[in-house]
Amino acid sequence: MDLVEVDGLRIGYRQAGQGRPLVLVHGAVADSRDWQHQLEAFAGDFRVVAWDAP
């Protein structure tokens, strides 16, 4: 997992693939791990980013 800091808030995210961006956003009681299978499946056609909401 990668981290980015925005306005003092650290946000984790996972990414895979290249091409047009596809952003995956999880629900309230989940995290980016819930998107692992979709991340792998879409990575052949997109740059997929799944982030962890703070």
N, C-alpha and C. Protein backbone atom coordinates (compact mmCIF):
# COMPACT_ATOMS: atom_id res chain seq x y z
N MET A 1 0.84 -1.17 0.00
CA MET A 1 0.00 0.00 0.00
C MET A 1 0.89 1.23 0.00
N ASP A 2 0.50 2.21 -0.79
CA ASP A 2 1.20 3.49 -0.85
C ASP A 2 0.47 4.49 0.03
N LEU A 3 1.17 5.54 0.42
CA LEU A 3 0.58 6.61 1.23
C LEU A 3 0.82 7.95 0.57
N VAL A 4 -0.15 8.84 0.71
CA VAL A 4 -0.01 10.22 0.27
C VAL A 4 -0.51 11.09 1.42
N GLU A 5 0.11 12.24 1.60
CA GLU A 5 -0.33 13.16 2.65
C GLU A 5 -0.92 14.40 2.01
N VAL A 6 -2.14 14.73 2.42
CA VAL A 6 -2.85 15.89 1.90
C VAL A 6 -3.35 16.71 3.09
N ASP A 7 -2.90 17.94 3.19
CA ASP A 7 -3.29 18.82 4.30
C ASP A 7 -3.10 18.14 5.66
N GLY A 8 -2.01 17.41 5.82
CA GLY A 8 -1.70 16.76 7.08
C GLY A 8 -2.41 15.44 7.32
N LEU A 9 -3.23 15.01 6.39
CA LEU A 9 -3.98 13.76 6.51
C LEU A 9 -3.33 12.70 5.63
N ARG A 10 -2.93 11.57 6.22
CA ARG A 10 -2.32 10.48 5.45
C ARG A 10 -3.41 9.57 4.91
N ILE A 11 -3.36 9.31 3.61
CA ILE A 11 -4.35 8.48 2.94
C ILE A 11 -3.63 7.32 2.26
N GLY A 12 -4.06 6.11 2.56
CA GLY A 12 -3.49 4.93 1.93
C GLY A 12 -4.24 4.59 0.65
N TYR A 13 -3.53 4.02 -0.30
CA TYR A 13 -4.17 3.61 -1.54
C TYR A 13 -3.39 2.48 -2.19
N ARG A 14 -4.09 1.72 -3.02
CA ARG A 14 -3.49 0.65 -3.82
C ARG A 14 -3.71 1.01 -5.27
N GLN A 15 -2.76 0.68 -6.12
CA GLN A 15 -2.93 0.98 -7.54
C GLN A 15 -2.33 -0.13 -8.39
N ALA A 16 -2.86 -0.24 -9.60
CA ALA A 16 -2.36 -1.25 -10.53
C ALA A 16 -2.73 -0.82 -11.94
N GLY A 17 -1.97 -1.28 -12.92
CA GLY A 17 -2.28 -1.05 -14.32
C GLY A 17 -1.85 0.30 -14.84
N GLN A 18 -2.17 0.52 -16.11
CA GLN A 18 -1.86 1.77 -16.80
C GLN A 18 -3.03 2.11 -17.70
N GLY A 19 -3.09 3.35 -18.10
CA GLY A 19 -4.15 3.79 -18.99
C GLY A 19 -5.06 4.80 -18.32
N ARG A 20 -6.30 4.85 -18.78
CA ARG A 20 -7.27 5.79 -18.20
C ARG A 20 -7.52 5.43 -16.75
N PRO A 21 -7.70 6.44 -15.89
CA PRO A 21 -7.89 6.15 -14.47
C PRO A 21 -9.28 5.60 -14.16
N LEU A 22 -9.32 4.68 -13.23
CA LEU A 22 -10.55 4.13 -12.67
C LEU A 22 -10.37 4.14 -11.16
N VAL A 23 -11.19 4.92 -10.45
CA VAL A 23 -11.05 5.06 -9.00
C VAL A 23 -12.14 4.24 -8.31
N LEU A 24 -11.74 3.38 -7.38
CA LEU A 24 -12.66 2.54 -6.63
C LEU A 24 -12.77 3.10 -5.21
N VAL A 25 -14.00 3.32 -4.75
CA VAL A 25 -14.25 3.90 -3.43
C VAL A 25 -15.06 2.89 -2.61
N HIS A 26 -14.57 2.52 -1.45
CA HIS A 26 -15.25 1.54 -0.61
C HIS A 26 -16.35 2.18 0.22
N GLY A 27 -17.17 1.32 0.84
CA GLY A 27 -18.24 1.78 1.73
C GLY A 27 -17.73 2.12 3.12
N ALA A 28 -18.65 2.44 4.00
CA ALA A 28 -18.31 2.97 5.32
C ALA A 28 -17.53 2.02 6.22
N VAL A 29 -17.78 0.74 6.15
CA VAL A 29 -17.13 -0.19 7.08
C VAL A 29 -16.13 -1.10 6.37
N ALA A 30 -15.55 -0.63 5.30
CA ALA A 30 -14.63 -1.43 4.49
C ALA A 30 -13.32 -0.67 4.29
N ASP A 31 -12.41 -1.26 3.51
CA ASP A 31 -11.20 -0.56 3.11
C ASP A 31 -10.78 -1.05 1.72
N SER A 32 -9.66 -0.57 1.23
CA SER A 32 -9.26 -0.85 -0.15
C SER A 32 -9.02 -2.34 -0.42
N ARG A 33 -8.79 -3.13 0.61
CA ARG A 33 -8.60 -4.57 0.41
C ARG A 33 -9.83 -5.24 -0.20
N ASP A 34 -10.99 -4.67 0.03
CA ASP A 34 -12.23 -5.23 -0.53
C ASP A 34 -12.25 -5.18 -2.05
N TRP A 35 -11.42 -4.36 -2.65
CA TRP A 35 -11.38 -4.20 -4.11
C TRP A 35 -10.28 -5.04 -4.78
N GLN A 36 -9.58 -5.88 -4.05
CA GLN A 36 -8.40 -6.57 -4.59
C GLN A 36 -8.70 -7.32 -5.89
N HIS A 37 -9.79 -8.08 -5.94
CA HIS A 37 -10.10 -8.85 -7.15
C HIS A 37 -10.44 -7.93 -8.32
N GLN A 38 -11.19 -6.87 -8.07
CA GLN A 38 -11.53 -5.93 -9.13
C GLN A 38 -10.30 -5.16 -9.58
N LEU A 39 -9.43 -4.82 -8.65
CA LEU A 39 -8.19 -4.11 -8.98
C LEU A 39 -7.39 -4.92 -9.99
N GLU A 40 -7.23 -6.20 -9.72
CA GLU A 40 -6.49 -7.08 -10.62
C GLU A 40 -7.20 -7.25 -11.96
N ALA A 41 -8.52 -7.39 -11.93
CA ALA A 41 -9.28 -7.63 -13.16
C ALA A 41 -9.26 -6.42 -14.10
N PHE A 42 -9.37 -5.21 -13.56
CA PHE A 42 -9.42 -4.01 -14.39
C PHE A 42 -8.04 -3.48 -14.77
N ALA A 43 -6.98 -3.95 -14.11
CA ALA A 43 -5.63 -3.42 -14.34
C ALA A 43 -5.14 -3.64 -15.77
N GLY A 44 -5.71 -4.58 -16.49
CA GLY A 44 -5.30 -4.80 -17.87
C GLY A 44 -5.74 -3.70 -18.81
N ASP A 45 -6.77 -2.94 -18.41
CA ASP A 45 -7.33 -1.90 -19.28
C ASP A 45 -7.26 -0.49 -18.70
N PHE A 46 -7.03 -0.37 -17.40
CA PHE A 46 -7.08 0.92 -16.72
C PHE A 46 -5.93 1.06 -15.74
N ARG A 47 -5.69 2.30 -15.31
CA ARG A 47 -4.88 2.55 -14.11
C ARG A 47 -5.89 2.62 -12.97
N VAL A 48 -5.93 1.59 -12.17
CA VAL A 48 -6.94 1.45 -11.12
C VAL A 48 -6.35 1.93 -9.79
N VAL A 49 -7.11 2.77 -9.09
CA VAL A 49 -6.69 3.27 -7.78
C VAL A 49 -7.83 2.99 -6.80
N ALA A 50 -7.52 2.29 -5.72
CA ALA A 50 -8.48 2.05 -4.64
C ALA A 50 -7.91 2.71 -3.39
N TRP A 51 -8.61 3.67 -2.85
CA TRP A 51 -8.08 4.42 -1.71
C TRP A 51 -8.83 4.08 -0.44
N ASP A 52 -8.20 4.31 0.69
CA ASP A 52 -8.80 4.10 2.00
C ASP A 52 -9.30 5.43 2.54
N ALA A 53 -10.61 5.53 2.67
CA ALA A 53 -11.18 6.76 3.22
C ALA A 53 -10.75 6.90 4.68
N PRO A 54 -10.40 8.11 5.09
CA PRO A 54 -9.95 8.32 6.47
C PRO A 54 -11.10 8.16 7.46
